Protein backbone atom coordinates (compact mmCIF):
# COMPACT_ATOMS: atom_id res chain seq x y z
CA MET A 1 -28.25 13.88 -1.67
CA GLY A 2 -26.36 13.06 1.53
CA ILE A 3 -27.41 13.12 5.00
CA ILE A 4 -25.98 16.84 5.83
CA ALA A 5 -27.82 17.93 2.54
CA ARG A 6 -31.13 16.52 3.88
CA LEU A 7 -30.85 17.80 7.11
CA GLU A 8 -29.95 21.23 5.84
CA SER A 9 -32.83 21.51 3.59
CA ALA A 10 -35.16 20.99 6.31
CA ASP A 11 -34.38 24.03 7.84
CA LEU A 12 -33.58 22.83 11.33
CA SER A 13 -32.83 25.62 14.22
CA ALA A 14 -30.08 25.90 16.73
CA GLY A 15 -30.57 23.59 19.35
CA ASP A 16 -33.14 21.34 17.29
CA GLU A 17 -32.11 17.45 18.24
CA VAL A 18 -31.86 14.98 16.00
CA ILE A 19 -32.10 11.07 17.04
CA VAL A 20 -28.78 9.06 15.65
CA PRO A 21 -27.31 5.61 16.47
CA ALA A 22 -24.55 5.05 18.66
CA TYR A 23 -23.91 1.79 16.89
CA ASP A 24 -21.65 3.33 14.07
CA ASP A 25 -17.95 5.19 13.76
CA GLY A 26 -19.56 8.74 14.13
CA GLY A 27 -19.99 9.68 10.53
CA VAL A 28 -23.82 10.20 11.39
CA ALA A 29 -23.82 12.47 14.37
CA ARG A 30 -20.83 14.55 12.54
CA ALA A 31 -23.49 15.14 9.84
CA VAL A 32 -26.06 15.81 12.04
CA VAL A 33 -23.39 18.63 13.73
CA ALA A 34 -22.39 19.90 10.38
CA ALA A 35 -26.27 20.58 9.59
CA GLY A 36 -26.22 22.67 12.67
CA ALA A 37 -28.30 20.65 14.80
CA VAL A 38 -27.92 18.33 18.12
CA PRO A 39 -27.12 14.71 17.80
CA VAL A 40 -29.38 12.66 20.38
CA PHE A 41 -27.89 8.73 20.74
CA ALA A 42 -30.60 5.93 20.73
CA ASP A 43 -30.33 2.34 21.28
CA ILE A 44 -30.68 -0.30 18.57
CA ASP A 45 -32.44 -3.29 17.82
CA PRO A 46 -30.27 -6.35 18.97
CA ASP A 47 -31.08 -8.37 15.95
CA SER A 48 -31.07 -5.67 13.24
CA TYR A 49 -28.33 -3.28 14.51
CA CYS A 50 -30.74 -0.50 13.24
CA LEU A 51 -32.18 2.28 15.89
CA GLY A 52 -35.01 0.38 17.61
CA LEU A 53 -38.40 1.92 17.85
CA GLY A 54 -38.80 1.90 21.72
CA GLY A 55 -35.16 3.33 21.91
CA ILE A 56 -36.52 6.32 20.00
CA GLU A 57 -39.30 6.95 22.19
CA ALA A 58 -37.55 7.03 25.13
CA VAL A 59 -35.40 9.95 23.89
CA VAL A 60 -37.59 12.19 22.38
CA THR A 61 -37.97 15.53 23.70
CA SER A 62 -39.60 19.04 22.88
CA ARG A 63 -36.58 19.64 20.78
CA THR A 64 -36.51 16.39 18.61
CA ALA A 65 -36.75 17.53 15.15
CA GLY A 66 -35.68 14.25 13.18
CA LEU A 67 -34.00 10.93 12.97
CA VAL A 68 -31.42 9.09 11.12
CA LEU A 69 -32.26 5.48 10.01
CA VAL A 70 -29.32 3.71 9.10
CA HIS A 71 -29.82 0.49 7.53
CA ARG A 72 -26.87 -1.86 9.10
CA PHE A 73 -24.93 -4.29 7.15
CA GLY A 74 -27.60 -4.85 4.51
CA HIS A 75 -30.16 -5.80 7.08
CA PRO A 76 -32.93 -3.58 6.49
CA ALA A 77 -34.99 -1.71 9.16
CA ASP A 78 -38.68 -1.83 8.92
CA SER A 79 -39.01 1.57 7.06
CA GLU A 80 -42.82 1.62 6.63
CA GLN A 81 -42.79 1.53 10.92
CA PHE A 82 -40.29 4.23 11.03
CA ARG A 83 -42.24 6.52 8.78
CA GLN A 84 -45.51 5.93 10.81
CA LEU A 85 -43.74 6.73 13.88
CA ALA A 86 -41.86 10.01 12.46
CA GLU A 87 -45.23 11.09 11.47
CA ARG A 88 -47.01 10.50 14.37
CA LEU A 89 -44.47 12.52 16.23
CA GLY A 90 -44.16 15.00 13.70
CA LEU A 91 -40.26 14.46 12.86
CA LEU A 92 -38.16 14.78 9.68
CA LEU A 93 -36.99 11.23 8.65
CA VAL A 94 -33.70 10.66 6.67
CA GLU A 95 -33.13 7.21 5.90
CA LYS A 96 -29.48 6.07 4.89
CA ASP A 97 -28.01 2.90 3.05
CA GLU A 98 -24.46 1.67 3.64
CA ASP A 99 -22.85 1.72 0.30
CA GLU A 100 -23.13 -1.34 -1.70
CA GLY A 101 -20.33 -0.42 -3.62
CA GLY A 102 -21.85 -0.72 -7.11
CA ARG A 103 -22.49 -4.50 -6.52
CA THR A 104 -24.62 -6.62 -8.97
CA THR A 105 -27.76 -8.46 -8.58
CA GLY A 106 -25.27 -11.74 -9.28
CA ASP A 107 -23.17 -10.50 -5.89
CA LEU A 108 -26.37 -10.11 -4.09
CA VAL A 109 -27.50 -13.52 -4.89
CA GLN A 110 -23.92 -15.11 -3.97
CA ARG A 111 -24.09 -13.41 -0.84
CA ARG A 112 -27.60 -14.80 0.32
CA GLU A 113 -26.58 -18.22 -0.66
CA ARG A 114 -23.23 -17.92 1.07
CA ALA A 115 -25.24 -16.42 4.29
CA GLY A 116 -27.31 -19.48 4.20
CA TYR A 117 -24.31 -21.95 4.19
CA LEU A 118 -23.03 -20.28 7.05
CA ASP A 119 -26.02 -19.83 9.10
CA ARG A 120 -26.50 -24.01 8.77
CA ARG A 121 -22.78 -24.54 9.38
CA LEU A 122 -21.43 -22.49 12.04
CA ILE A 123 -21.26 -23.23 15.59
CA GLY A 124 -20.13 -21.57 18.77
CA VAL A 125 -21.30 -18.23 17.33
CA ARG A 126 -24.69 -16.36 17.05
CA THR A 127 -25.15 -15.70 13.10
CA PRO A 128 -27.09 -12.79 11.74
CA VAL A 129 -30.90 -12.63 12.51
CA PRO A 130 -32.40 -13.47 8.62
CA ALA A 131 -34.73 -10.70 7.26
CA VAL A 132 -36.54 -10.20 4.25
CA GLY A 133 -34.57 -8.16 1.93
CA HIS A 134 -31.27 -9.02 3.84
CA GLY A 135 -28.59 -8.23 1.51
CA TYR A 136 -25.79 -9.56 3.63
CA GLN A 137 -23.14 -6.42 2.83
CA ARG A 138 -21.47 -7.94 5.83
CA TYR A 139 -21.72 -11.07 7.36
CA VAL A 140 -21.69 -9.61 11.26
CA VAL A 141 -21.74 -12.68 14.51
CA ARG A 142 -21.69 -12.17 18.13
CA VAL A 143 -19.27 -13.87 20.06
CA PRO A 144 -20.48 -15.54 23.04
CA GLY A 145 -18.56 -15.28 26.47
CA ASN A 146 -17.37 -12.32 28.41
CA GLY A 147 -17.76 -9.98 25.73
CA ARG A 148 -15.05 -7.97 24.16
CA PRO A 149 -12.26 -9.99 25.91
CA ASP A 150 -13.49 -13.01 24.32
CA ARG A 151 -14.56 -11.76 21.05
CA ASP A 152 -10.94 -9.77 20.54
CA ALA A 153 -9.37 -13.29 21.63
CA PHE A 154 -11.64 -14.94 18.78
CA ALA A 155 -10.61 -12.31 16.44
CA ARG A 156 -7.00 -12.62 17.04
CA LEU A 157 -7.04 -16.27 16.52
CA LEU A 158 -8.85 -16.20 13.37
CA ARG A 159 -6.51 -13.77 11.84
CA ARG A 160 -3.67 -16.35 13.10
CA ARG A 161 -5.18 -18.74 10.72
CA GLY A 162 -5.58 -16.71 8.02
CA VAL A 163 -8.96 -15.79 8.14
CA GLU A 164 -10.01 -12.07 7.67
CA CYS A 165 -12.10 -10.16 10.25
CA GLU A 166 -12.94 -6.80 11.73
CA VAL A 167 -14.52 -5.32 14.82
CA PRO A 168 -17.44 -3.61 12.84
CA VAL A 169 -18.06 -0.71 15.79
CA LEU A 170 -14.86 -0.19 17.97
CA THR A 171 -16.61 2.20 20.77
CA PRO A 172 -19.99 3.44 20.64
CA VAL A 173 -20.23 7.00 19.84
CA HIS A 174 -21.72 8.28 23.04
CA ARG A 175 -18.68 6.89 24.70
CA THR A 176 -16.44 8.76 22.56
CA ARG A 177 -14.52 11.92 23.52
CA GLU A 178 -16.09 13.65 20.49
CA PHE A 179 -19.59 12.93 21.83
CA ARG A 180 -19.38 11.89 25.58
CA ARG A 181 -22.95 11.85 26.84
CA VAL A 182 -22.81 12.00 30.73
CA GLY A 183 -25.41 9.47 32.14
CA CYS A 184 -26.25 8.02 28.31
CA VAL A 185 -26.90 4.34 28.95
CA LEU A 186 -27.49 2.35 25.80
CA PRO A 187 -27.32 -1.58 26.94
CA GLU A 188 -27.91 -3.07 23.32
CA THR A 189 -25.64 -0.93 21.72
CA GLU A 190 -22.86 -1.26 24.27
CA ARG A 191 -23.17 -5.25 24.17
CA ALA A 192 -23.09 -5.23 20.34
CA VAL A 193 -20.01 -3.21 20.53
CA ASP A 194 -18.47 -5.77 22.72
CA GLU A 195 -19.72 -8.88 21.07
CA THR A 196 -20.23 -8.49 17.00
CA LEU A 197 -17.46 -9.28 14.56
CA ALA A 198 -17.59 -9.36 11.15
CA LEU A 199 -16.44 -12.17 8.76
CA PRO A 200 -14.79 -11.69 5.31
CA PRO A 201 -17.21 -10.29 2.73
CA LEU A 202 -19.17 -13.20 1.27
CA ASP A 203 -18.85 -12.01 -2.26
CA GLY A 204 -14.93 -11.94 -1.96
CA LEU A 205 -14.48 -15.69 -1.02
CA SER A 206 -13.92 -18.57 -3.27
CA ASP A 207 -16.04 -21.87 -2.51
CA ALA A 208 -12.52 -23.23 -0.69
CA GLY A 209 -12.57 -19.73 1.27
CA VAL A 210 -15.99 -20.00 2.56
CA ARG A 211 -15.18 -23.64 3.73
CA LYS A 212 -11.86 -22.76 5.33
CA LEU A 213 -14.06 -19.89 7.12
CA VAL A 214 -16.36 -22.18 8.69
CA ALA A 215 -14.03 -25.10 9.39
CA VAL A 216 -11.40 -22.44 11.40
CA CYS A 217 -14.52 -20.86 13.18
CA ASN A 218 -15.75 -23.84 14.55
CA ALA A 219 -12.70 -25.08 15.69
CA LEU A 220 -12.67 -22.37 17.82
CA GLY A 221 -16.14 -21.29 18.44
CA GLY A 222 -16.22 -24.70 20.66
CA LEU A 223 -13.75 -23.01 23.05
CA LEU A 224 -16.24 -20.34 23.92
CA GLN A 225 -19.27 -20.79 26.14
CA PRO A 226 -21.55 -18.25 27.52
CA ALA A 227 -20.43 -16.72 31.15
């Protein structure tokens, strides 16, 4: 059952608010609107890129009816903590895993092995924070320096050297024309949007491709220093 169906089954009333992440492509917020509710944006945890517990409590109002927890890039949020929070506040909790696309157990093992290799070998970028159950659906690093300008320059140089990469979230949802919220400030979300870069899918690389990824990133990473 999709997000819209799960929200619609909760019999939300007009004006009910549902807390969602702004570190997203807008799909979750649109699902909330389609279910007849109002999306409210909360800040993320900077390590998991999922909603942060403190960020949720900061935006809860008397109209809050639920929250949508997205497990981002294969890094699982602590579902039990969110269930306890939702129960304490009397909120509907909807969880969403990013699509694994029919990946097998072998794919998962390979991703974790390659992620461990990259964790040990990469320099000049901040590697993903390990977590129990991390599936590394995307291997997302942070590029240090002056935020978006340095991250974008780093991405361009990687592509020129034949390394695929992608900015996972181009604009935080609360800054888009569709969902702009005046006065909404989400510092961890905005910092992540400016610094994060998704490297090639790990189960799509050969062993030689993994080694090339490390060599190219490290050659460039040493040029970037925190501001």
